[in-house]
C-alpha atoms as a PDB file:
ATOM      1  CA  UNK A   1      -0.221   0.219  -0.277  1.00  0.00           C
ATOM      2  CA  UNK A   2       1.424   3.204  -1.286  1.00  0.00           C
ATOM      3  CA  UNK A   3      -0.576   7.316  -0.238  1.00  0.00           C
ATOM      4  CA  UNK A   4       1.773  10.387  -1.402  1.00  0.00           C
ATOM      5  CA  UNK A   5      -0.481  13.289  -0.381  1.00  0.00           C
ATOM      6  CA  UNK A   6       0.704  17.272  -0.744  1.00  0.00           C
ATOM      7  CA  UNK A   7       0.857  19.800   1.951  1.00  0.00           C
ATOM      8  CA  UNK A   8       1.422  23.118   3.492  1.00  0.00           C
ATOM      9  CA  UNK A   9       4.039  23.239   6.303  1.00  0.00           C
ATOM     10  CA  UNK A  10       4.994  25.444   9.009  1.00  0.00           C
ATOM     11  CA  UNK A  11       4.843  29.766   7.965  1.00  0.00           C
ATOM     12  CA  UNK A  12       8.341  31.373   8.112  1.00  0.00           C
ATOM     13  CA  UNK A  13       8.751  34.987   8.905  1.00  0.00           C
ATOM     14  CA  UNK A  14      12.327  36.553   7.732  1.00  0.00           C
ATOM     15  CA  UNK A  15      12.511  39.836   7.208  1.00  0.00           C
ATOM     16  CA  UNK A  16       8.494  40.861   6.684  1.00  0.00           C
ATOM     17  CA  UNK A  17       8.820  38.446   3.480  1.00  0.00           C
ATOM     18  CA  UNK A  18       6.327  35.278   4.994  1.00  0.00           C
ATOM     19  CA  UNK A  19       7.969  31.634   3.499  1.00  0.00           C
ATOM     20  CA  UNK A  20       5.583  28.841   3.133  1.00  0.00           C
ATOM     21  CA  UNK A  21       6.882  24.739   1.791  1.00  0.00           C
ATOM     22  CA  UNK A  22       4.678  23.159   0.365  1.00  0.00           C
ATOM     23  CA  UNK A  23       5.699  18.732   0.413  1.00  0.00           C
ATOM     24  CA  UNK A  24       4.837  15.791  -0.244  1.00  0.00           C
ATOM     25  CA  UNK A  25       5.028  13.815   2.024  1.00  0.00           C
ATOM     26  CA  UNK A  26       5.068  10.292   1.240  1.00  0.00           C
ATOM     27  CA  UNK A  27       4.158   6.637   3.519  1.00  0.00           C
ATOM     28  CA  UNK A  28       4.267   3.258   2.096  1.00  0.00           C
ATOM     29  CA  UNK A  29       3.825  -0.799   3.587  1.00  0.00           C
ATOM     30  CA  UNK A  30       4.450  -3.713   2.837  1.00  0.00           C
ATOM     31  CA  UNK A  31       4.482  -7.497   3.837  1.00  0.00           C
ATOM     32  CA  UNK A  32       6.375  -9.749   2.552  1.00  0.00           C
ATOM     33  CA  UNK A  33       5.682 -14.111   4.125  1.00  0.00           C
ATOM     34  CA  UNK A  34       5.081 -12.666   7.986  1.00  0.00           C
ATOM     35  CA  UNK A  35       7.502  -9.769   7.519  1.00  0.00           C
ATOM     36  CA  UNK A  36       6.545  -6.098   7.036  1.00  0.00           C
ATOM     37  CA  UNK A  37       8.597  -2.506   5.834  1.00  0.00           C
ATOM     38  CA  UNK A  38       7.055   0.742   6.456  1.00  0.00           C
ATOM     39  CA  UNK A  39       8.518   3.373   5.123  1.00  0.00           C
ATOM     40  CA  UNK A  40       7.676   7.460   4.936  1.00  0.00           C
ATOM     41  CA  UNK A  41       9.258  10.310   3.858  1.00  0.00           C
ATOM     42  CA  UNK A  42       8.785  14.319   2.816  1.00  0.00           C
ATOM     43  CA  UNK A  43      10.043  15.380  -0.207  1.00  0.00           C
ATOM     44  CA  UNK A  44       9.967  19.282  -0.409  1.00  0.00           C
ATOM     45  CA  UNK A  45       7.924  20.283  -3.743  1.00  0.00           C
ATOM     46  CA  UNK A  46       7.365  24.117  -3.059  1.00  0.00           C
ATOM     47  CA  UNK A  47       8.495  27.310  -1.784  1.00  0.00           C
ATOM     48  CA  UNK A  48       5.614  30.348  -1.377  1.00  0.00           C
ATOM     49  CA  UNK A  49       7.133  33.556  -0.820  1.00  0.00           C
ATOM     50  CA  UNK A  50       3.926  36.283   0.230  1.00  0.00           C
ATOM     51  CA  UNK A  51       5.679  39.938   0.661  1.00  0.00           C
ATOM     52  CA  UNK A  52       3.669  43.560   0.235  1.00  0.00           C
ATOM     53  CA  UNK A  53       5.031  42.694  -3.217  1.00  0.00           C
ATOM     54  CA  UNK A  54       2.051  40.196  -3.451  1.00  0.00           C
ATOM     55  CA  UNK A  55       2.749  36.369  -3.463  1.00  0.00           C
ATOM     56  CA  UNK A  56       4.941  33.831  -6.185  1.00  0.00           C
ATOM     57  CA  UNK A  57       5.822  29.776  -6.192  1.00  0.00           C
ATOM     58  CA  UNK A  58       8.893  28.564  -7.340  1.00  0.00           C
ATOM     59  CA  UNK A  59       8.788  25.335  -7.854  1.00  0.00           C
ATOM     60  CA  UNK A  60      12.662  23.434  -6.529  1.00  0.00           C
ATOM     61  CA  UNK A  61      14.453  23.549  -9.313  1.00  0.00           C
ATOM     62  CA  UNK A  62      14.321  27.116  -9.503  1.00  0.00           C
ATOM     63  CA  UNK A  63      11.324  28.056 -11.830  1.00  0.00           C
ATOM     64  CA  UNK A  64       9.081  29.898 -11.215  1.00  0.00           C
ATOM     65  CA  UNK A  65       4.927  28.432 -11.087  1.00  0.00           C
ATOM     66  CA  UNK A  66       1.303  29.523 -10.916  1.00  0.00           C
ATOM     67  CA  UNK A  67       0.442  30.128  -7.604  1.00  0.00           C
ATOM     68  CA  UNK A  68      -2.893  28.657  -8.263  1.00  0.00           C
ATOM     69  CA  UNK A  69      -1.595  25.599 -10.116  1.00  0.00           C
ATOM     70  CA  UNK A  70      -0.348  24.860  -7.074  1.00  0.00           C
ATOM     71  CA  UNK A  71      -3.083  26.017  -5.460  1.00  0.00           C
ATOM     72  CA  UNK A  72      -4.840  23.331  -6.798  1.00  0.00           C
ATOM     73  CA  UNK A  73      -2.379  20.592  -6.713  1.00  0.00           C
ATOM     74  CA  UNK A  74      -2.965  21.706  -2.427  1.00  0.00           C
ATOM     75  CA  UNK A  75      -6.427  22.885  -1.171  1.00  0.00           C
ATOM     76  CA  UNK A  76      -4.763  23.850   2.126  1.00  0.00           C
ATOM     77  CA  UNK A  77      -2.178  26.578   0.276  1.00  0.00           C
ATOM     78  CA  UNK A  78      -5.138  28.727  -0.331  1.00  0.00           C
ATOM     79  CA  UNK A  79      -5.937  28.596   3.468  1.00  0.00           C
ATOM     80  CA  UNK A  80      -2.426  29.309   4.175  1.00  0.00           C
ATOM     81  CA  UNK A  81      -2.359  32.085   2.722  1.00  0.00           C
ATOM     82  CA  UNK A  82      -5.416  33.173   4.055  1.00  0.00           C
ATOM     83  CA  UNK A  83      -4.114  33.258   7.305  1.00  0.00           C
END
């Protein structure tokens, strides 16, 4: 069994700029011949920057991404941006 989902991490504020990481969380479970194996991992995907100049999203590769696309992938981001 494998489950993956996107989540927003807790925001940090640095010099008046709010930084929100968006991560992929993966959880997997396998049972083979009575032996059980569990794995969980967290992988960064996007960094959201919110300042007086507006909001921007960047993938971990450094390319700018659409805020709306990130929200469609991770609906919790809409709530995080409200706060």
